[in-house]
Structures are given as structure tokens and as C-alpha cells.
N, C-alpha and C. Protein backbone atom coordinates (compact mmCIF):
# COMPACT_ATOMS: atom_id res chain seq x y z
N MET A 1 5.54 -11.82 -4.57
CA MET A 1 4.12 -11.77 -4.33
C MET A 1 3.84 -11.91 -2.83
N GLN A 2 4.61 -12.76 -2.17
CA GLN A 2 4.42 -12.93 -0.73
C GLN A 2 4.78 -11.63 -0.01
N GLY A 3 5.85 -10.97 -0.47
CA GLY A 3 6.25 -9.70 0.14
C GLY A 3 5.17 -8.64 -0.02
N LEU A 4 4.53 -8.58 -1.20
CA LEU A 4 3.44 -7.62 -1.42
C LEU A 4 2.29 -7.90 -0.48
N ALA A 5 1.95 -9.17 -0.32
CA ALA A 5 0.83 -9.53 0.57
C ALA A 5 1.16 -9.17 2.01
N GLU A 6 2.42 -9.37 2.42
CA GLU A 6 2.80 -9.02 3.79
C GLU A 6 2.77 -7.52 3.99
N ILE A 7 3.19 -6.76 2.97
CA ILE A 7 3.17 -5.30 3.08
C ILE A 7 1.73 -4.81 3.18
N GLU A 8 0.83 -5.42 2.40
CA GLU A 8 -0.57 -5.03 2.46
C GLU A 8 -1.21 -5.40 3.79
N GLY A 9 -0.59 -6.34 4.51
CA GLY A 9 -1.15 -6.77 5.78
C GLY A 9 -2.27 -7.78 5.63
N ASP A 10 -2.30 -8.48 4.52
CA ASP A 10 -3.34 -9.47 4.27
C ASP A 10 -2.77 -10.85 4.54
N PRO A 11 -3.06 -11.44 5.70
CA PRO A 11 -2.46 -12.73 6.04
C PRO A 11 -2.93 -13.85 5.12
N PHE A 12 -4.15 -13.76 4.59
CA PHE A 12 -4.65 -14.79 3.69
C PHE A 12 -3.83 -14.82 2.41
N LYS A 13 -3.60 -13.64 1.82
CA LYS A 13 -2.80 -13.58 0.60
C LYS A 13 -1.36 -13.99 0.86
N ALA A 14 -0.82 -13.61 2.02
CA ALA A 14 0.56 -13.98 2.35
C ALA A 14 0.69 -15.50 2.47
N GLU A 15 -0.28 -16.13 3.11
CA GLU A 15 -0.25 -17.59 3.26
C GLU A 15 -0.42 -18.27 1.90
N GLU A 16 -1.31 -17.72 1.06
CA GLU A 16 -1.51 -18.28 -0.28
C GLU A 16 -0.23 -18.17 -1.11
N ALA A 17 0.44 -17.04 -1.03
CA ALA A 17 1.70 -16.86 -1.75
C ALA A 17 2.77 -17.81 -1.23
N LYS A 18 2.79 -18.03 0.06
CA LYS A 18 3.75 -18.96 0.65
C LYS A 18 3.49 -20.38 0.14
N ARG A 19 2.22 -20.77 0.10
CA ARG A 19 1.89 -22.11 -0.41
C ARG A 19 2.29 -22.24 -1.89
N LYS A 20 2.06 -21.20 -2.67
CA LYS A 20 2.45 -21.25 -4.08
C LYS A 20 3.95 -21.41 -4.22
N LEU A 21 4.69 -20.68 -3.39
CA LEU A 21 6.15 -20.80 -3.43
C LEU A 21 6.57 -22.22 -3.09
N GLU A 22 6.00 -22.77 -2.04
CA GLU A 22 6.36 -24.13 -1.63
C GLU A 22 5.98 -25.14 -2.72
N ARG A 23 4.82 -24.95 -3.34
CA ARG A 23 4.32 -25.89 -4.33
C ARG A 23 5.10 -25.80 -5.64
N GLU A 24 5.44 -24.59 -6.06
CA GLU A 24 6.05 -24.42 -7.37
C GLU A 24 7.57 -24.35 -7.32
N ILE A 25 8.12 -23.69 -6.34
CA ILE A 25 9.56 -23.50 -6.27
C ILE A 25 10.23 -24.63 -5.49
N GLY A 26 9.53 -25.18 -4.49
CA GLY A 26 10.11 -26.22 -3.65
C GLY A 26 10.64 -27.41 -4.43
N PRO A 27 9.83 -28.02 -5.34
CA PRO A 27 10.34 -29.17 -6.09
C PRO A 27 11.55 -28.82 -6.95
N LEU A 28 11.56 -27.64 -7.54
CA LEU A 28 12.71 -27.23 -8.34
C LEU A 28 13.95 -27.08 -7.47
N GLU A 29 13.76 -26.51 -6.30
CA GLU A 29 14.88 -26.32 -5.39
C GLU A 29 15.45 -27.66 -4.94
N ARG A 30 14.57 -28.61 -4.60
CA ARG A 30 15.03 -29.94 -4.20
C ARG A 30 15.76 -30.63 -5.35
N GLU A 31 15.25 -30.49 -6.56
CA GLU A 31 15.89 -31.11 -7.71
C GLU A 31 17.28 -30.53 -7.96
N ILE A 32 17.38 -29.22 -7.83
CA ILE A 32 18.69 -28.58 -8.02
C ILE A 32 19.67 -29.04 -6.96
N LYS A 33 19.21 -29.08 -5.71
CA LYS A 33 20.09 -29.55 -4.64
C LYS A 33 20.50 -31.00 -4.88
N GLY A 34 19.54 -31.83 -5.32
CA GLY A 34 19.85 -33.23 -5.62
C GLY A 34 20.85 -33.36 -6.75
N ARG A 35 20.69 -32.54 -7.76
CA ARG A 35 21.62 -32.58 -8.89
C ARG A 35 23.00 -32.11 -8.48
N LYS A 36 23.05 -31.09 -7.59
CA LYS A 36 24.35 -30.60 -7.13
C LYS A 36 25.08 -31.68 -6.34
N SER A 37 24.36 -32.33 -5.44
CA SER A 37 25.03 -33.34 -4.61
C SER A 37 25.28 -34.62 -5.39
N GLY A 38 24.32 -35.05 -6.23
CA GLY A 38 24.46 -36.31 -6.95
C GLY A 38 25.13 -36.16 -8.30
N GLY A 39 25.20 -34.96 -8.83
CA GLY A 39 25.70 -34.76 -10.19
C GLY A 39 27.18 -34.50 -10.26
N ARG A 40 27.90 -34.51 -9.16
CA ARG A 40 29.33 -34.21 -9.19
C ARG A 40 30.15 -35.34 -9.76
N GLY A 41 29.70 -36.55 -9.53
CA GLY A 41 30.50 -37.68 -9.96
C GLY A 41 30.28 -38.09 -11.40
N ASN A 42 29.23 -37.60 -12.04
CA ASN A 42 28.95 -38.10 -13.38
C ASN A 42 29.47 -37.18 -14.48
N ASN A 43 30.18 -36.10 -14.13
CA ASN A 43 30.89 -35.26 -15.10
C ASN A 43 29.98 -34.65 -16.15
N ARG A 44 28.78 -34.24 -15.80
CA ARG A 44 27.89 -33.60 -16.77
C ARG A 44 28.05 -32.10 -16.60
N GLY A 45 28.71 -31.47 -17.49
CA GLY A 45 28.95 -30.04 -17.42
C GLY A 45 28.00 -29.30 -18.31
N ILE A 46 28.23 -28.01 -18.46
CA ILE A 46 27.38 -27.17 -19.29
C ILE A 46 27.45 -27.61 -20.75
N LYS A 47 28.65 -27.99 -21.20
CA LYS A 47 28.77 -28.40 -22.60
C LYS A 47 27.92 -29.62 -22.89
N SER A 48 27.88 -30.58 -21.95
CA SER A 48 27.10 -31.78 -22.21
C SER A 48 25.60 -31.49 -22.13
N VAL A 49 25.22 -30.55 -21.31
CA VAL A 49 23.81 -30.24 -21.18
C VAL A 49 23.28 -29.57 -22.42
N PHE A 50 24.00 -28.62 -22.96
CA PHE A 50 23.52 -27.89 -24.12
C PHE A 50 23.91 -28.57 -25.43
N GLY A 51 24.59 -29.62 -25.31
CA GLY A 51 24.84 -30.47 -26.47
C GLY A 51 25.94 -29.97 -27.37
N ASN A 52 26.63 -30.93 -27.96
CA ASN A 52 27.65 -30.63 -28.96
C ASN A 52 27.48 -31.60 -30.12
N GLY A 53 26.21 -31.97 -30.38
CA GLY A 53 25.91 -32.87 -31.49
C GLY A 53 26.01 -34.33 -31.09
N SER A 54 26.08 -34.64 -29.82
CA SER A 54 26.22 -36.03 -29.40
C SER A 54 24.86 -36.70 -29.33
N SER A 55 24.83 -37.95 -28.95
CA SER A 55 23.59 -38.71 -28.91
C SER A 55 22.90 -38.62 -27.55
N GLN A 56 23.27 -37.65 -26.73
CA GLN A 56 22.69 -37.53 -25.41
C GLN A 56 21.47 -36.63 -25.40
N SER A 57 20.82 -36.36 -26.51
CA SER A 57 19.76 -35.37 -26.58
C SER A 57 18.61 -35.70 -25.65
N ASN A 58 18.19 -36.98 -25.55
CA ASN A 58 17.11 -37.34 -24.64
C ASN A 58 17.51 -37.14 -23.19
N ASP A 59 18.72 -37.56 -22.85
CA ASP A 59 19.20 -37.37 -21.48
C ASP A 59 19.35 -35.89 -21.15
N ASP A 60 19.85 -35.12 -22.12
CA ASP A 60 20.02 -33.68 -21.90
C ASP A 60 18.67 -32.99 -21.71
N ALA A 61 17.69 -33.35 -22.53
CA ALA A 61 16.36 -32.75 -22.39
C ALA A 61 15.76 -33.10 -21.05
N GLU A 62 15.96 -34.35 -20.63
CA GLU A 62 15.43 -34.75 -19.32
C GLU A 62 16.18 -34.01 -18.22
N TYR A 63 17.48 -33.83 -18.38
CA TYR A 63 18.27 -33.11 -17.37
C TYR A 63 17.80 -31.65 -17.27
N LEU A 64 17.54 -31.02 -18.42
CA LEU A 64 17.13 -29.62 -18.41
C LEU A 64 15.68 -29.45 -17.96
N PHE A 65 14.78 -30.27 -18.46
CA PHE A 65 13.36 -30.06 -18.23
C PHE A 65 12.73 -31.05 -17.28
N GLY A 66 13.48 -32.03 -16.83
CA GLY A 66 12.93 -33.03 -15.92
C GLY A 66 12.04 -34.00 -16.68
N ASN A 67 11.38 -34.86 -15.96
CA ASN A 67 10.48 -35.82 -16.57
C ASN A 67 9.14 -35.12 -16.79
N GLN A 68 8.86 -34.74 -18.01
CA GLN A 68 7.69 -33.94 -18.34
C GLN A 68 6.38 -34.72 -18.20
N SER A 69 6.44 -36.04 -18.23
CA SER A 69 5.19 -36.78 -18.14
C SER A 69 4.60 -36.71 -16.74
N HIS A 70 5.41 -36.38 -15.73
CA HIS A 70 4.92 -36.29 -14.37
C HIS A 70 4.69 -34.85 -13.93
N TYR A 71 5.06 -33.90 -14.76
CA TYR A 71 4.91 -32.50 -14.38
C TYR A 71 3.49 -32.05 -14.67
N ALA A 72 2.82 -31.51 -13.66
CA ALA A 72 1.49 -30.95 -13.85
C ALA A 72 1.52 -29.55 -13.26
N PRO A 73 1.55 -28.52 -14.09
CA PRO A 73 1.63 -27.15 -13.57
C PRO A 73 0.39 -26.81 -12.77
N PRO A 74 0.50 -25.84 -11.84
CA PRO A 74 -0.64 -25.48 -11.00
C PRO A 74 -1.79 -24.93 -11.82
N SER A 75 -2.97 -25.18 -11.36
CA SER A 75 -4.17 -24.78 -12.09
C SER A 75 -4.61 -23.39 -11.67
N LEU A 76 -4.90 -22.55 -12.65
CA LEU A 76 -5.45 -21.22 -12.36
C LEU A 76 -6.92 -21.16 -12.75
N ALA A 77 -7.27 -21.78 -13.86
CA ALA A 77 -8.64 -21.69 -14.34
C ALA A 77 -9.30 -23.06 -14.42
N GLY A 78 -8.60 -24.10 -14.09
CA GLY A 78 -9.17 -25.42 -14.11
C GLY A 78 -9.18 -26.06 -15.49
N ASP A 79 -8.46 -25.48 -16.46
CA ASP A 79 -8.44 -26.04 -17.79
C ASP A 79 -7.09 -26.66 -18.12
N ASP A 80 -6.46 -27.25 -17.10
CA ASP A 80 -5.14 -27.86 -17.30
C ASP A 80 -5.28 -29.16 -18.11
N ILE A 81 -4.23 -29.48 -18.80
CA ILE A 81 -4.15 -30.74 -19.52
C ILE A 81 -3.45 -31.73 -18.60
N GLU A 82 -4.00 -32.87 -18.43
CA GLU A 82 -3.39 -33.91 -17.59
C GLU A 82 -2.42 -34.68 -18.48
N TYR A 83 -1.14 -34.51 -18.21
CA TYR A 83 -0.15 -35.12 -19.08
C TYR A 83 0.03 -36.61 -18.83
N GLY A 84 0.04 -36.99 -17.55
CA GLY A 84 0.32 -38.37 -17.24
C GLY A 84 -0.85 -39.29 -17.50
N ASP A 85 -2.07 -38.78 -17.47
CA ASP A 85 -3.25 -39.62 -17.57
C ASP A 85 -3.97 -39.52 -18.90
N SER A 86 -3.47 -38.79 -19.85
CA SER A 86 -4.21 -38.60 -21.09
C SER A 86 -4.18 -39.89 -21.92
N SER A 87 -5.23 -40.06 -22.73
CA SER A 87 -5.35 -41.29 -23.49
C SER A 87 -4.36 -41.31 -24.66
N SER A 88 -4.08 -40.17 -25.28
CA SER A 88 -3.09 -40.14 -26.35
C SER A 88 -1.90 -39.32 -25.86
N PRO A 89 -0.78 -39.97 -25.62
CA PRO A 89 0.37 -39.27 -25.06
C PRO A 89 0.90 -38.23 -26.05
N LEU A 90 1.22 -37.06 -25.52
CA LEU A 90 1.75 -35.99 -26.35
C LEU A 90 3.25 -36.19 -26.51
N SER A 91 3.77 -35.68 -27.58
CA SER A 91 5.22 -35.78 -27.76
C SER A 91 5.89 -34.85 -26.75
N GLU A 92 7.14 -35.09 -26.56
CA GLU A 92 7.90 -34.32 -25.56
C GLU A 92 7.88 -32.83 -25.90
N MET A 93 8.02 -32.49 -27.16
CA MET A 93 8.03 -31.08 -27.57
C MET A 93 6.65 -30.45 -27.34
N GLU A 94 5.58 -31.19 -27.64
CA GLU A 94 4.24 -30.67 -27.40
C GLU A 94 4.00 -30.44 -25.92
N GLN A 95 4.50 -31.36 -25.12
CA GLN A 95 4.35 -31.20 -23.68
C GLN A 95 5.08 -29.95 -23.20
N MET A 96 6.30 -29.74 -23.70
CA MET A 96 7.07 -28.55 -23.32
C MET A 96 6.34 -27.28 -23.77
N MET A 97 5.74 -27.34 -24.96
CA MET A 97 5.00 -26.17 -25.45
C MET A 97 3.77 -25.91 -24.60
N HIS A 98 3.07 -26.98 -24.21
CA HIS A 98 1.90 -26.81 -23.35
C HIS A 98 2.31 -26.27 -21.98
N ASP A 99 3.42 -26.79 -21.47
CA ASP A 99 3.91 -26.30 -20.17
C ASP A 99 4.30 -24.83 -20.26
N SER A 100 4.99 -24.48 -21.35
CA SER A 100 5.37 -23.07 -21.53
C SER A 100 4.14 -22.18 -21.65
N GLU A 101 3.15 -22.67 -22.40
CA GLU A 101 1.92 -21.91 -22.56
C GLU A 101 1.21 -21.72 -21.22
N HIS A 102 1.19 -22.79 -20.43
CA HIS A 102 0.55 -22.70 -19.11
C HIS A 102 1.31 -21.72 -18.20
N LEU A 103 2.63 -21.79 -18.22
CA LEU A 103 3.42 -20.86 -17.41
C LEU A 103 3.21 -19.42 -17.87
N LEU A 104 3.06 -19.24 -19.18
CA LEU A 104 2.78 -17.91 -19.71
C LEU A 104 1.42 -17.41 -19.21
N ARG A 105 0.42 -18.29 -19.20
CA ARG A 105 -0.91 -17.91 -18.69
C ARG A 105 -0.83 -17.56 -17.21
N GLU A 106 -0.07 -18.35 -16.48
CA GLU A 106 0.08 -18.06 -15.05
C GLU A 106 0.77 -16.72 -14.84
N THR A 107 1.79 -16.44 -15.65
CA THR A 107 2.46 -15.15 -15.56
C THR A 107 1.50 -14.02 -15.89
N GLN A 108 0.68 -14.23 -16.91
CA GLN A 108 -0.32 -13.21 -17.26
C GLN A 108 -1.31 -13.00 -16.11
N ALA A 109 -1.69 -14.10 -15.46
CA ALA A 109 -2.60 -13.98 -14.32
C ALA A 109 -1.95 -13.20 -13.18
N LEU A 110 -0.68 -13.47 -12.94
CA LEU A 110 0.04 -12.73 -11.90
C LEU A 110 0.16 -11.25 -12.27
N CYS A 111 0.40 -10.97 -13.55
CA CYS A 111 0.46 -9.57 -14.00
C CYS A 111 -0.89 -8.89 -13.81
N ALA A 112 -1.96 -9.61 -14.14
CA ALA A 112 -3.30 -9.04 -13.95
C ALA A 112 -3.57 -8.78 -12.47
N GLU A 113 -3.14 -9.71 -11.62
CA GLU A 113 -3.32 -9.52 -10.18
C GLU A 113 -2.52 -8.32 -9.70
N SER A 114 -1.28 -8.20 -10.19
CA SER A 114 -0.46 -7.04 -9.82
C SER A 114 -1.11 -5.75 -10.31
N GLU A 115 -1.69 -5.79 -11.49
CA GLU A 115 -2.38 -4.62 -12.03
C GLU A 115 -3.57 -4.25 -11.16
N GLN A 116 -4.32 -5.26 -10.70
CA GLN A 116 -5.46 -4.99 -9.82
C GLN A 116 -4.99 -4.38 -8.50
N ILE A 117 -3.90 -4.93 -7.96
CA ILE A 117 -3.37 -4.38 -6.71
C ILE A 117 -2.94 -2.94 -6.93
N GLY A 118 -2.27 -2.68 -8.07
CA GLY A 118 -1.85 -1.32 -8.38
C GLY A 118 -3.04 -0.38 -8.53
N ALA A 119 -4.09 -0.84 -9.20
CA ALA A 119 -5.30 -0.01 -9.37
C ALA A 119 -5.94 0.27 -8.02
N ALA A 120 -6.00 -0.75 -7.16
CA ALA A 120 -6.57 -0.55 -5.82
C ALA A 120 -5.73 0.43 -5.02
N THR A 121 -4.41 0.32 -5.16
CA THR A 121 -3.52 1.25 -4.46
C THR A 121 -3.72 2.67 -4.96
N LEU A 122 -3.84 2.83 -6.28
CA LEU A 122 -4.08 4.16 -6.84
C LEU A 122 -5.40 4.73 -6.35
N GLU A 123 -6.43 3.90 -6.29
CA GLU A 123 -7.73 4.36 -5.81
C GLU A 123 -7.63 4.79 -4.35
N THR A 124 -6.94 3.99 -3.55
CA THR A 124 -6.76 4.33 -2.13
C THR A 124 -5.99 5.64 -1.99
N MET A 125 -4.95 5.79 -2.81
CA MET A 125 -4.16 7.03 -2.74
C MET A 125 -5.00 8.23 -3.16
N GLY A 126 -5.89 8.04 -4.16
CA GLY A 126 -6.78 9.12 -4.57
C GLY A 126 -7.72 9.52 -3.45
N GLN A 127 -8.26 8.51 -2.75
CA GLN A 127 -9.14 8.80 -1.62
C GLN A 127 -8.38 9.54 -0.52
N GLN A 128 -7.15 9.10 -0.26
CA GLN A 128 -6.36 9.75 0.77
C GLN A 128 -6.02 11.18 0.36
N ARG A 129 -5.79 11.41 -0.92
CA ARG A 129 -5.51 12.76 -1.40
C ARG A 129 -6.72 13.67 -1.16
N GLU A 130 -7.92 13.15 -1.48
CA GLU A 130 -9.14 13.92 -1.23
C GLU A 130 -9.30 14.23 0.26
N GLN A 131 -9.00 13.24 1.11
CA GLN A 131 -9.10 13.47 2.56
C GLN A 131 -8.11 14.54 2.99
N ILE A 132 -6.90 14.51 2.45
CA ILE A 132 -5.89 15.52 2.82
C ILE A 132 -6.33 16.90 2.34
N GLU A 133 -6.90 16.96 1.13
CA GLU A 133 -7.38 18.26 0.63
C GLU A 133 -8.52 18.79 1.49
N ARG A 134 -9.45 17.89 1.88
CA ARG A 134 -10.54 18.33 2.77
C ARG A 134 -9.99 18.80 4.11
N SER A 135 -9.02 18.06 4.63
CA SER A 135 -8.41 18.45 5.91
C SER A 135 -7.72 19.80 5.77
N SER A 136 -7.04 20.01 4.66
CA SER A 136 -6.38 21.29 4.43
C SER A 136 -7.40 22.42 4.38
N ASN A 137 -8.52 22.19 3.68
CA ASN A 137 -9.57 23.22 3.63
C ASN A 137 -10.15 23.49 5.01
N LEU A 138 -10.34 22.43 5.80
CA LEU A 138 -10.86 22.61 7.16
C LEU A 138 -9.87 23.39 8.03
N ILE A 139 -8.59 23.11 7.86
CA ILE A 139 -7.57 23.85 8.62
C ILE A 139 -7.57 25.31 8.22
N GLN A 140 -7.67 25.59 6.91
CA GLN A 140 -7.72 26.98 6.45
C GLN A 140 -8.94 27.69 7.03
N GLN A 141 -10.07 27.01 7.02
CA GLN A 141 -11.29 27.60 7.59
C GLN A 141 -11.12 27.86 9.07
N ALA A 142 -10.50 26.91 9.79
CA ALA A 142 -10.28 27.09 11.23
C ALA A 142 -9.34 28.27 11.49
N LEU A 143 -8.32 28.43 10.65
CA LEU A 143 -7.41 29.58 10.81
C LEU A 143 -8.14 30.90 10.56
N GLN A 144 -9.01 30.91 9.54
CA GLN A 144 -9.78 32.12 9.27
C GLN A 144 -10.73 32.43 10.43
N ASP A 145 -11.39 31.41 10.96
CA ASP A 145 -12.28 31.61 12.10
C ASP A 145 -11.51 32.12 13.32
N THR A 146 -10.30 31.59 13.52
CA THR A 146 -9.47 32.05 14.65
C THR A 146 -9.07 33.50 14.47
N ASP A 147 -8.71 33.90 13.25
CA ASP A 147 -8.37 35.30 12.99
C ASP A 147 -9.57 36.21 13.25
N GLN A 148 -10.74 35.78 12.78
CA GLN A 148 -11.94 36.58 13.00
C GLN A 148 -12.25 36.68 14.49
N ALA A 149 -12.11 35.59 15.22
CA ALA A 149 -12.35 35.61 16.67
C ALA A 149 -11.36 36.54 17.36
N ARG A 150 -10.09 36.52 16.91
CA ARG A 150 -9.07 37.40 17.49
C ARG A 150 -9.45 38.86 17.27
N ARG A 151 -9.92 39.20 16.05
CA ARG A 151 -10.32 40.59 15.77
C ARG A 151 -11.51 40.99 16.63
N ILE A 152 -12.48 40.08 16.76
CA ILE A 152 -13.66 40.38 17.59
C ILE A 152 -13.25 40.59 19.04
N MET A 153 -12.34 39.74 19.54
CA MET A 153 -11.89 39.88 20.93
C MET A 153 -11.16 41.21 21.14
N LYS A 154 -10.34 41.61 20.17
CA LYS A 154 -9.65 42.91 20.29
C LYS A 154 -10.66 44.05 20.31
N GLU A 155 -11.66 43.96 19.42
CA GLU A 155 -12.70 44.99 19.37
C GLU A 155 -13.48 45.04 20.69
N MET A 156 -13.79 43.87 21.25
CA MET A 156 -14.50 43.83 22.54
C MET A 156 -13.64 44.42 23.64
N ALA A 157 -12.34 44.13 23.61
CA ALA A 157 -11.44 44.69 24.64
C ALA A 157 -11.38 46.21 24.51
N LYS A 158 -11.34 46.73 23.27
CA LYS A 158 -11.32 48.19 23.07
C LYS A 158 -12.62 48.82 23.58
N ARG A 159 -13.77 48.19 23.27
CA ARG A 159 -15.05 48.72 23.75
C ARG A 159 -15.12 48.70 25.27
N ALA A 160 -14.64 47.61 25.87
CA ALA A 160 -14.66 47.52 27.34
C ALA A 160 -13.79 48.61 27.95
N LEU A 161 -12.63 48.86 27.38
CA LEU A 161 -11.74 49.92 27.88
C LEU A 161 -12.40 51.29 27.71
N ARG A 162 -13.03 51.52 26.57
CA ARG A 162 -13.70 52.79 26.33
C ARG A 162 -14.86 52.97 27.32
N ASN A 163 -15.63 51.88 27.54
CA ASN A 163 -16.73 51.96 28.52
C ASN A 163 -16.20 52.25 29.92
N LYS A 164 -15.08 51.65 30.30
CA LYS A 164 -14.50 51.90 31.62
C LYS A 164 -14.07 53.36 31.74
N ILE A 165 -13.45 53.87 30.68
CA ILE A 165 -13.00 55.28 30.72
C ILE A 165 -14.21 56.21 30.87
N VAL A 166 -15.27 55.95 30.08
CA VAL A 166 -16.49 56.77 30.18
C VAL A 166 -17.07 56.65 31.58
N LEU A 167 -17.14 55.45 32.12
CA LEU A 167 -17.68 55.24 33.46
C LEU A 167 -16.86 55.99 34.51
N TYR A 168 -15.53 55.90 34.43
CA TYR A 168 -14.69 56.64 35.38
C TYR A 168 -14.87 58.15 35.24
N CYS A 169 -15.05 58.61 34.01
CA CYS A 169 -15.28 60.05 33.81
C CYS A 169 -16.61 60.48 34.43
N VAL A 170 -17.67 59.67 34.24
CA VAL A 170 -18.97 59.99 34.82
C VAL A 170 -18.87 59.98 36.34
N ILE A 171 -18.18 58.99 36.90
CA ILE A 171 -18.00 58.93 38.36
C ILE A 171 -17.25 60.17 38.84
N ALA A 172 -16.20 60.54 38.10
CA ALA A 172 -15.42 61.72 38.49
C ALA A 172 -16.30 62.98 38.43
N LEU A 173 -17.11 63.13 37.37
CA LEU A 173 -17.99 64.29 37.27
C LEU A 173 -19.01 64.30 38.40
N LEU A 174 -19.58 63.13 38.74
CA LEU A 174 -20.53 63.06 39.85
C LEU A 174 -19.86 63.44 41.17
N LEU A 175 -18.67 62.97 41.39
CA LEU A 175 -17.94 63.33 42.62
C LEU A 175 -17.66 64.83 42.67
N ILE A 176 -17.26 65.36 41.54
CA ILE A 176 -17.01 66.82 41.49
C ILE A 176 -18.31 67.58 41.72
N GLY A 177 -19.39 67.09 41.08
CA GLY A 177 -20.70 67.74 41.27
C GLY A 177 -21.16 67.65 42.71
N ASN A 178 -21.00 66.50 43.37
CA ASN A 178 -21.35 66.36 44.79
C ASN A 178 -20.49 67.27 45.66
N ALA A 179 -19.23 67.31 45.34
CA ALA A 179 -18.34 68.17 46.13
C ALA A 179 -18.75 69.63 45.97
N MET A 180 -19.11 70.05 44.80
CA MET A 180 -19.52 71.45 44.60
C MET A 180 -20.86 71.72 45.31
N ALA A 181 -21.77 70.72 45.27
CA ALA A 181 -23.05 70.91 45.95
C ALA A 181 -22.84 71.01 47.45
N ILE A 182 -22.00 70.15 47.99
CA ILE A 182 -21.71 70.19 49.43
C ILE A 182 -21.04 71.52 49.76
N HIS A 183 -20.08 71.93 48.94
CA HIS A 183 -19.40 73.20 49.20
C HIS A 183 -20.40 74.37 49.10
N HIS A 184 -21.29 74.36 48.15
CA HIS A 184 -22.27 75.42 48.01
C HIS A 184 -23.23 75.44 49.21
N LEU A 185 -23.69 74.31 49.68
CA LEU A 185 -24.52 74.24 50.87
C LEU A 185 -23.76 74.70 52.10
N TRP A 186 -22.60 74.36 52.16
CA TRP A 186 -21.77 74.69 53.32
C TRP A 186 -21.51 76.19 53.34
N THR A 187 -21.28 76.79 52.26
CA THR A 187 -21.06 78.23 52.21
C THR A 187 -22.36 79.01 52.42
N LYS A 188 -23.47 78.50 52.11
CA LYS A 188 -24.74 79.19 52.31
C LYS A 188 -25.12 79.20 53.78
N LYS A 189 -24.81 78.19 54.50
CA LYS A 189 -25.14 78.08 55.93
C LYS A 189 -24.30 79.08 56.69
N ARG A 190 -23.27 79.44 56.31
CA ARG A 190 -22.45 80.36 57.04
C ARG A 190 -22.84 81.70 56.74
């Protein structure tokens, strides 16, 4: 969850995820480290933890699940059951069931949050797709306008060349006409 928040670039969500990790995973990590360092001398292996019909069931349950009377899972909706302060203490199995139920609700909340993030991502991608399609249409229109401008420029160049040729022909005819008029005047004077 922290990685998703960092990828999204939301520092508030990243910090919130970090706090959740520290609050929920930190105590478990410390307990595991404590058990690793302190549990080597007491010879409690996997067989003793999962039981072989011995009378260690209370110790094994405490080893696996910790002291449930002090465990208070994080609140998502504010409807948590206070295990340590309740007036009628719940049995150990009921407490484990309540804890499991609460963890399941928290998992569902995380799934819903992930679903919302996914929906927001899909919506953003849809908007970006529309922008890309609009950009593509604008590029196509710009290419068509450029082609039309190129054709118009070629046509203008052809007209300008034709006008120059006509102008040079008219100038040439005028020069020939002037030359003939001068020659005709010149021959008449003689």
C-alpha cells in the first residue's frame, strides 16, 4: 500500500501507509525477533507449538496468538470491541474470532480502497485516451491543412510563372513593335 501511494505521488497516503505498517507490523516484528533471540534456550519447536496432545495448549495458544487480552486491532470504522476493558471478559476463542473478523473487515476495506484506486486509474486512463484521440484528430487536420496549403502554393507558383511568361512576351512584342516603328520612321525620312 505504501508503494502504491509513493507511485501515485501522494505523500499523505504514503505517510499514512508507513504509520499503518509501523503500528500493525512493528509489534509483530519485535515479537518475532524477541522470540528468536529468547526462544532458543527453551526448546520450543514446531511440534510443541502445534501440539501433539500434550497439556501445553494454553502456552501454545499464547505462543501462536500472543496475549489476546491486550491486543486491540486498529480501528477503521470506530466500532471496535475493547477487549481489555470490557465488563464481561470474552473467552479466548471468542476473542480470536473477533480479531479474525476485524482483520477480515480491514482486509475488505483495503480491497475496497484498492478498487477505488483502480477505478480512479481507469478513469484517468480513459481521459488520457480521449486526449490522445483528440490530439490525433488535430494532427490529422493539421496534415490535411498543410497538404492543402502546399497545393495552393504550387498553384500560386504556376500562376506567377505564367504571368511572368505573359509579361515577358508582351515586353518582347512591345520592343519589336517599337523597333519596327523606329525602322519605319527611319526609312521614310530617307
